[in-house]
N, C-alpha and C. Protein backbone atom coordinates (compact mmCIF):
# COMPACT_ATOMS: atom_id res chain seq x y z
N UNK A 1 30.64 124.77 88.18
CA UNK A 1 31.16 123.66 87.38
C UNK A 1 32.50 124.04 86.21
N UNK A 2 33.57 123.18 86.56
CA UNK A 2 34.73 123.74 85.68
C UNK A 2 34.63 123.03 84.41
N UNK A 3 35.07 123.59 83.24
CA UNK A 3 35.20 122.99 81.96
C UNK A 3 36.75 122.98 81.35
N UNK A 4 36.78 122.14 80.66
CA UNK A 4 38.49 122.08 80.08
C UNK A 4 39.09 123.52 80.05
N UNK A 5 38.32 124.39 79.64
CA UNK A 5 39.00 126.05 79.21
C UNK A 5 39.23 126.34 80.67
N UNK A 6 38.70 126.00 81.92
CA UNK A 6 38.96 126.70 82.86
C UNK A 6 40.37 125.69 83.71
N UNK A 7 40.75 124.55 83.16
CA UNK A 7 41.84 123.95 83.59
C UNK A 7 42.92 124.25 82.65
N UNK A 8 42.94 124.74 81.58
CA UNK A 8 43.82 125.25 80.43
C UNK A 8 44.21 126.68 81.28
N UNK A 9 43.52 127.32 81.57
CA UNK A 9 43.74 128.64 82.03
C UNK A 9 44.47 128.60 83.61
N UNK A 10 43.93 127.54 84.11
CA UNK A 10 44.60 127.49 85.76
C UNK A 10 46.13 126.81 85.60
N UNK A 11 46.42 126.25 84.36
CA UNK A 11 47.90 125.83 83.83
C UNK A 11 48.67 126.68 83.63
N UNK A 12 48.08 127.53 82.83
CA UNK A 12 48.65 128.88 82.09
C UNK A 12 49.02 129.69 83.03
N UNK A 13 48.16 130.01 84.23
CA UNK A 13 48.33 130.92 85.21
C UNK A 13 49.23 130.63 86.29
N UNK A 14 49.67 129.39 86.45
CA UNK A 14 50.47 128.66 87.63
C UNK A 14 51.96 129.43 87.69
N UNK A 15 52.16 129.69 88.78
CA UNK A 15 53.67 130.14 88.81
C UNK A 15 54.62 128.86 88.24
N UNK A 16 55.79 129.56 87.52
CA UNK A 16 56.63 128.59 87.58
C UNK A 16 57.89 128.74 88.40
N UNK A 17 58.89 127.30 88.22
CA UNK A 17 59.78 127.44 89.04
C UNK A 17 61.13 126.83 88.12
N UNK A 18 62.16 127.72 88.46
CA UNK A 18 63.45 127.22 87.56
C UNK A 18 64.05 126.28 88.03
N UNK A 19 64.67 125.41 87.22
CA UNK A 19 65.22 124.15 87.64
C UNK A 19 66.28 124.52 88.89
N UNK A 20 67.09 125.46 88.69
CA UNK A 20 68.19 125.78 89.67
C UNK A 20 67.51 126.06 90.76
N UNK A 21 66.43 126.49 91.07
CA UNK A 21 65.82 126.93 92.57
C UNK A 21 65.56 125.62 93.12
N UNK A 22 64.95 124.67 92.46
CA UNK A 22 64.70 123.09 93.08
C UNK A 22 65.72 122.39 93.55
N UNK A 23 67.00 122.31 92.67
CA UNK A 23 67.93 121.54 92.86
C UNK A 23 69.25 122.30 93.52
N UNK A 24 69.20 123.57 93.34
CA UNK A 24 70.16 124.43 94.00
C UNK A 24 71.63 124.31 93.10
N UNK A 25 72.54 125.27 93.62
CA UNK A 25 73.61 125.46 92.82
C UNK A 25 74.80 125.35 94.03
N UNK A 26 75.75 124.44 93.76
CA UNK A 26 76.52 123.87 94.71
C UNK A 26 78.18 124.19 94.11
N UNK A 27 79.24 123.46 94.87
CA UNK A 27 80.36 123.68 94.46
C UNK A 27 81.06 122.45 94.88
N UNK A 28 82.32 122.09 94.03
CA UNK A 28 83.03 120.92 94.71
C UNK A 28 84.05 121.35 95.14
N UNK A 29 84.53 120.70 96.19
CA UNK A 29 85.39 120.83 97.40
C UNK A 29 86.57 119.98 97.49
N UNK A 30 87.61 120.57 96.99
CA UNK A 30 88.78 119.51 96.73
C UNK A 30 88.85 118.34 97.98
N UNK A 31 89.51 117.26 97.94
CA UNK A 31 89.69 116.32 99.20
C UNK A 31 91.08 116.22 98.76
N UNK A 32 91.72 115.85 100.01
CA UNK A 32 93.26 115.44 100.05
C UNK A 32 93.48 114.26 98.78
N UNK A 33 92.49 113.46 98.99
CA UNK A 33 92.75 112.05 98.22
C UNK A 33 92.30 112.11 96.68
N UNK A 34 93.67 111.43 96.01
CA UNK A 34 93.57 111.70 94.72
C UNK A 34 93.85 110.10 93.94
N UNK A 35 93.21 109.86 93.14
CA UNK A 35 93.77 108.40 92.20
C UNK A 35 94.45 108.86 91.06
N UNK A 36 95.54 108.05 91.20
CA UNK A 36 96.55 108.34 89.99
C UNK A 36 96.17 107.92 88.67
N UNK A 37 95.00 106.69 88.65
CA UNK A 37 94.47 106.33 87.20
C UNK A 37 93.30 107.03 87.17
N UNK A 38 92.79 107.93 88.03
CA UNK A 38 91.51 108.63 87.24
C UNK A 38 91.47 110.10 87.62
N UNK A 39 92.43 110.54 88.74
CA UNK A 39 92.35 112.03 89.00
C UNK A 39 91.81 112.35 90.56
N UNK A 40 91.63 113.66 90.46
CA UNK A 40 91.57 114.15 91.73
C UNK A 40 90.04 114.01 92.20
N UNK A 41 89.74 113.94 93.49
CA UNK A 41 88.69 113.59 94.18
C UNK A 41 87.99 115.01 94.76
N UNK A 42 87.05 115.14 94.41
CA UNK A 42 86.14 116.17 95.16
C UNK A 42 85.01 115.78 96.09
N UNK A 43 84.47 116.84 96.67
CA UNK A 43 83.31 116.41 97.64
C UNK A 43 82.13 117.34 97.34
N UNK A 44 80.91 117.47 96.86
CA UNK A 44 79.84 118.14 96.74
C UNK A 44 79.77 118.88 98.24
N UNK A 45 79.64 120.25 98.14
CA UNK A 45 79.40 121.03 99.27
C UNK A 45 77.58 121.00 99.88
N UNK A 46 77.09 120.43 99.03
CA UNK A 46 75.45 120.29 99.45
C UNK A 46 75.10 119.19 99.95
N UNK A 47 75.66 117.83 99.61
CA UNK A 47 75.17 116.59 99.91
C UNK A 47 76.31 115.88 100.60
N UNK A 48 77.67 116.15 100.00
CA UNK A 48 78.96 115.38 100.48
C UNK A 48 79.14 114.11 99.88
N UNK A 49 78.38 114.17 98.75
CA UNK A 49 78.71 112.81 97.63
C UNK A 49 80.27 113.37 97.24
N UNK A 50 81.26 112.02 97.34
CA UNK A 50 82.33 112.12 96.67
C UNK A 50 82.61 111.70 95.36
N UNK A 51 83.28 112.57 94.50
CA UNK A 51 83.36 112.12 93.07
C UNK A 51 84.67 112.42 92.22
N UNK A 52 85.15 111.68 91.46
CA UNK A 52 86.43 111.92 90.80
C UNK A 52 86.03 112.88 89.87
N UNK A 53 86.88 113.85 89.68
CA UNK A 53 86.98 115.10 88.59
C UNK A 53 85.55 115.95 89.23
N UNK A 54 85.51 117.18 88.35
CA UNK A 54 84.38 118.01 88.75
C UNK A 54 83.29 117.96 87.53
N UNK A 55 82.34 117.15 87.50
CA UNK A 55 81.12 117.24 86.63
C UNK A 55 80.43 118.49 86.99
N UNK A 56 79.59 118.72 85.81
CA UNK A 56 78.82 120.28 85.94
C UNK A 56 77.74 120.02 86.77
N UNK A 57 77.11 118.76 87.38
CA UNK A 57 76.26 118.47 88.10
C UNK A 57 76.64 117.12 89.25
N UNK A 58 76.26 117.49 90.56
CA UNK A 58 76.12 116.31 91.47
C UNK A 58 75.48 115.00 90.83
N UNK A 59 76.28 113.97 90.84
CA UNK A 59 75.27 112.95 90.78
C UNK A 59 74.15 112.13 91.68
N UNK A 60 74.32 112.81 92.94
CA UNK A 60 73.65 112.35 93.90
C UNK A 60 72.56 113.32 94.27
N UNK A 61 72.88 114.65 94.66
CA UNK A 61 71.67 115.58 94.76
C UNK A 61 71.16 116.19 93.57
N UNK A 62 72.17 116.26 92.28
CA UNK A 62 71.24 117.33 91.14
C UNK A 62 71.75 118.64 90.89
N UNK A 63 72.68 118.98 92.27
CA UNK A 63 73.13 120.41 92.45
C UNK A 63 73.73 120.84 91.14
N UNK A 64 73.57 122.01 90.45
CA UNK A 64 74.52 122.51 89.41
C UNK A 64 75.55 123.29 89.96
N UNK A 65 76.75 122.67 89.48
CA UNK A 65 78.12 123.16 90.13
C UNK A 65 78.60 124.29 89.75
N UNK A 66 79.06 125.60 90.61
CA UNK A 66 79.68 126.34 89.94
C UNK A 66 81.39 126.13 89.39
N UNK A 67 81.68 126.90 88.48
CA UNK A 67 82.92 126.31 87.86
C UNK A 67 84.07 126.94 88.59
N UNK A 68 84.94 125.96 88.81
CA UNK A 68 86.19 126.32 89.93
C UNK A 68 86.88 127.29 89.14
N UNK A 69 87.75 127.97 89.92
CA UNK A 69 89.15 128.80 89.29
C UNK A 69 89.88 128.08 88.64
N UNK A 70 90.23 126.76 88.91
CA UNK A 70 91.09 126.04 88.27
C UNK A 70 90.65 125.83 86.82
N UNK A 71 89.15 125.40 86.82
CA UNK A 71 88.63 124.99 85.51
C UNK A 71 88.50 126.41 84.79
N UNK A 72 88.33 127.77 85.26
CA UNK A 72 88.36 128.81 84.27
C UNK A 72 89.86 129.00 83.69
N UNK A 73 90.95 128.68 84.31
CA UNK A 73 92.08 128.87 83.84
C UNK A 73 92.50 128.13 82.59
N UNK A 74 92.00 126.94 82.52
CA UNK A 74 92.11 125.90 81.13
C UNK A 74 91.38 125.93 80.22
């Protein structure tokens, strides 16, 4: 028979996973198309989702995006 203390011990001893391991890390690929009103278009290398600009995360798959060389210069 297991009691509450056994359950607490099981949770404490359970392995942990970092969010980056689950969602992954990707990068934005520049597309030839750009919108004059909104800016440049990019495609997520992990899921192919298109996005205006370079957000820190893909809104479709949740991948954390690496910082591009252009963003580092600014």
